C-alpha atoms as a PDB file:
ATOM      1  CA  UNK A   1      19.605  15.187   5.685  1.00  0.00           C
ATOM      2  CA  UNK A   2      18.047  12.709   3.174  1.00  0.00           C
ATOM      3  CA  UNK A   3      16.224   9.533   4.906  1.00  0.00           C
ATOM      4  CA  UNK A   4      14.091   8.212   1.771  1.00  0.00           C
ATOM      5  CA  UNK A   5      12.770   4.431   2.409  1.00  0.00           C
ATOM      6  CA  UNK A   6      12.417   3.416  -0.828  1.00  0.00           C
ATOM      7  CA  UNK A   7      13.887   3.248  -4.485  1.00  0.00           C
ATOM      8  CA  UNK A   8      13.050   6.307  -6.622  1.00  0.00           C
ATOM      9  CA  UNK A   9      12.847   6.791 -10.154  1.00  0.00           C
ATOM     10  CA  UNK A  10      12.573   9.781 -12.948  1.00  0.00           C
ATOM     11  CA  UNK A  11       9.869   9.420 -15.217  1.00  0.00           C
ATOM     12  CA  UNK A  12       8.123  12.179 -17.509  1.00  0.00           C
ATOM     13  CA  UNK A  13       4.729  11.244 -16.899  1.00  0.00           C
ATOM     14  CA  UNK A  14       1.098  12.897 -15.848  1.00  0.00           C
ATOM     15  CA  UNK A  15      -0.117  13.381 -12.246  1.00  0.00           C
ATOM     16  CA  UNK A  16      -3.171  15.129 -10.776  1.00  0.00           C
ATOM     17  CA  UNK A  17      -3.527  15.835  -6.968  1.00  0.00           C
ATOM     18  CA  UNK A  18      -6.908  16.197  -5.979  1.00  0.00           C
ATOM     19  CA  UNK A  19      -8.099  16.895  -2.438  1.00  0.00           C
ATOM     20  CA  UNK A  20     -11.376  16.689  -0.518  1.00  0.00           C
ATOM     21  CA  UNK A  21     -11.880  20.392  -1.088  1.00  0.00           C
ATOM     22  CA  UNK A  22     -12.150  19.735  -5.038  1.00  0.00           C
ATOM     23  CA  UNK A  23      -8.979  20.939  -5.938  1.00  0.00           C
ATOM     24  CA  UNK A  24      -6.902  19.077  -8.655  1.00  0.00           C
ATOM     25  CA  UNK A  25      -3.504  20.380  -9.657  1.00  0.00           C
ATOM     26  CA  UNK A  26      -2.029  19.018 -12.673  1.00  0.00           C
ATOM     27  CA  UNK A  27       1.637  18.419 -13.056  1.00  0.00           C
ATOM     28  CA  UNK A  28       4.543  16.094 -14.165  1.00  0.00           C
ATOM     29  CA  UNK A  29       6.183  13.392 -12.146  1.00  0.00           C
ATOM     30  CA  UNK A  30       9.457  14.784 -10.292  1.00  0.00           C
ATOM     31  CA  UNK A  31       9.935  11.273  -8.641  1.00  0.00           C
ATOM     32  CA  UNK A  32       7.953   8.518  -7.978  1.00  0.00           C
ATOM     33  CA  UNK A  33       8.629   5.728  -5.521  1.00  0.00           C
ATOM     34  CA  UNK A  34       6.478   2.677  -3.811  1.00  0.00           C
ATOM     35  CA  UNK A  35       5.917   4.616  -1.173  1.00  0.00           C
ATOM     36  CA  UNK A  36       4.825   8.539  -2.866  1.00  0.00           C
ATOM     37  CA  UNK A  37       5.423  10.907  -5.615  1.00  0.00           C
ATOM     38  CA  UNK A  38       6.930  14.098  -6.055  1.00  0.00           C
ATOM     39  CA  UNK A  39       5.045  16.339  -8.853  1.00  0.00           C
ATOM     40  CA  UNK A  40       6.455  19.516 -10.357  1.00  0.00           C
ATOM     41  CA  UNK A  41       4.393  21.910  -9.827  1.00  0.00           C
ATOM     42  CA  UNK A  42       4.369  26.174  -9.084  1.00  0.00           C
ATOM     43  CA  UNK A  43       0.826  25.767  -6.469  1.00  0.00           C
ATOM     44  CA  UNK A  44       1.161  24.593  -2.861  1.00  0.00           C
ATOM     45  CA  UNK A  45      -1.822  23.138  -0.701  1.00  0.00           C
ATOM     46  CA  UNK A  46      -0.715  23.387   2.967  1.00  0.00           C
ATOM     47  CA  UNK A  47       1.229  19.658   4.577  1.00  0.00           C
ATOM     48  CA  UNK A  48      -1.052  17.466   5.932  1.00  0.00           C
ATOM     49  CA  UNK A  49      -3.789  17.676   3.396  1.00  0.00           C
ATOM     50  CA  UNK A  50      -4.938  14.402   2.803  1.00  0.00           C
ATOM     51  CA  UNK A  51      -5.833  13.639  -1.056  1.00  0.00           C
ATOM     52  CA  UNK A  52      -6.109  11.311  -4.055  1.00  0.00           C
ATOM     53  CA  UNK A  53      -3.104  11.098  -6.459  1.00  0.00           C
ATOM     54  CA  UNK A  54      -4.130  10.238 -10.141  1.00  0.00           C
ATOM     55  CA  UNK A  55      -0.844   9.003 -11.834  1.00  0.00           C
ATOM     56  CA  UNK A  56      -1.133   8.367 -16.024  1.00  0.00           C
ATOM     57  CA  UNK A  57       1.397   5.992 -17.137  1.00  0.00           C
ATOM     58  CA  UNK A  58       1.690   5.517 -20.745  1.00  0.00           C
ATOM     59  CA  UNK A  59       3.590   2.023 -22.175  1.00  0.00           C
ATOM     60  CA  UNK A  60       4.218   2.370 -25.795  1.00  0.00           C
ATOM     61  CA  UNK A  61       0.813   3.234 -26.990  1.00  0.00           C
ATOM     62  CA  UNK A  62      -1.294   1.988 -24.031  1.00  0.00           C
ATOM     63  CA  UNK A  63      -1.852   4.266 -21.180  1.00  0.00           C
ATOM     64  CA  UNK A  64      -2.769   2.950 -17.357  1.00  0.00           C
ATOM     65  CA  UNK A  65      -4.266   4.869 -14.904  1.00  0.00           C
ATOM     66  CA  UNK A  66      -3.534   4.369 -10.964  1.00  0.00           C
ATOM     67  CA  UNK A  67      -5.622   6.294  -8.205  1.00  0.00           C
ATOM     68  CA  UNK A  68      -3.935   6.299  -5.046  1.00  0.00           C
ATOM     69  CA  UNK A  69      -5.329   7.949  -1.585  1.00  0.00           C
ATOM     70  CA  UNK A  70      -1.779   9.937   0.094  1.00  0.00           C
ATOM     71  CA  UNK A  71      -1.358  12.955   1.899  1.00  0.00           C
ATOM     72  CA  UNK A  72       0.744  16.104   1.194  1.00  0.00           C
ATOM     73  CA  UNK A  73       3.629  15.877   3.238  1.00  0.00           C
ATOM     74  CA  UNK A  74       6.209  18.471   1.670  1.00  0.00           C
ATOM     75  CA  UNK A  75       5.695  21.820  -0.679  1.00  0.00           C
ATOM     76  CA  UNK A  76       8.902  23.486  -2.201  1.00  0.00           C
ATOM     77  CA  UNK A  77       8.529  26.318  -5.128  1.00  0.00           C
ATOM     78  CA  UNK A  78       9.812  23.234  -7.081  1.00  0.00           C
ATOM     79  CA  UNK A  79       6.131  21.231  -6.091  1.00  0.00           C
ATOM     80  CA  UNK A  80       4.882  18.969  -3.980  1.00  0.00           C
ATOM     81  CA  UNK A  81       5.435  15.681  -2.321  1.00  0.00           C
ATOM     82  CA  UNK A  82       3.163  13.090  -1.445  1.00  0.00           C
ATOM     83  CA  UNK A  83       3.051  10.339   0.894  1.00  0.00           C
ATOM     84  CA  UNK A  84       1.128   6.902  -0.737  1.00  0.00           C
ATOM     85  CA  UNK A  85      -1.340   5.624   1.580  1.00  0.00           C
ATOM     86  CA  UNK A  86      -2.956   1.966   2.011  1.00  0.00           C
ATOM     87  CA  UNK A  87      -2.884   0.561  -1.561  1.00  0.00           C
ATOM     88  CA  UNK A  88      -4.667  -2.210  -3.408  1.00  0.00           C
ATOM     89  CA  UNK A  89      -2.331  -4.993  -3.685  1.00  0.00           C
ATOM     90  CA  UNK A  90      -2.802  -4.418  -7.135  1.00  0.00           C
ATOM     91  CA  UNK A  91      -1.501  -1.319  -7.459  1.00  0.00           C
ATOM     92  CA  UNK A  92       1.278  -1.730  -4.934  1.00  0.00           C
ATOM     93  CA  UNK A  93       2.385  -4.365  -7.556  1.00  0.00           C
ATOM     94  CA  UNK A  94       1.909  -1.875 -10.638  1.00  0.00           C
ATOM     95  CA  UNK A  95       4.218   0.846  -8.488  1.00  0.00           C
ATOM     96  CA  UNK A  96       6.813  -2.523  -7.475  1.00  0.00           C
ATOM     97  CA  UNK A  97       7.168  -3.219 -10.773  1.00  0.00           C
ATOM     98  CA  UNK A  98       7.091   0.395 -12.366  1.00  0.00           C
ATOM     99  CA  UNK A  99      10.112   1.444  -9.969  1.00  0.00           C
ATOM    100  CA  UNK A 100      12.045  -2.372 -10.069  1.00  0.00           C
ATOM    101  CA  UNK A 101      12.147  -2.337 -13.558  1.00  0.00           C
ATOM    102  CA  UNK A 102      13.955   1.304 -14.154  1.00  0.00           C
ATOM    103  CA  UNK A 103      17.370   0.450 -14.338  1.00  0.00           C
ATOM    104  CA  UNK A 104      18.550   3.621 -13.029  1.00  0.00           C
ATOM    105  CA  UNK A 105      16.025   4.311 -10.159  1.00  0.00           C
ATOM    106  CA  UNK A 106      18.442   5.714  -7.239  1.00  0.00           C
ATOM    107  CA  UNK A 107      17.965   3.627  -4.353  1.00  0.00           C
ATOM    108  CA  UNK A 108      17.173   4.684  -0.532  1.00  0.00           C
ATOM    109  CA  UNK A 109      19.559   7.010   1.449  1.00  0.00           C
ATOM    110  CA  UNK A 110      19.781   7.904   4.944  1.00  0.00           C
END
């Protein structure tokens, strides 16, 4: 069963997950929503691990970095799912604009 609450987009963008223990995992976004991100990586982290997610998004020649607190909620052979924690209004707006602007974003399902 898929119980996602937010629209998801599929973009090619770099992502880094950093833990308080000093681990830094780098990969590519598998999908992104205002509520979290799935990072494609063969690496694993324990579910429940607090982390910071750095998303590097490109718009033409401009690069934007969003740093978002989160928690590991899923690990699979394909990658790591992170649920975002509380974010600033600016980051929330940037994520919302990105997801809403994508014409092929998948609506939540239950």
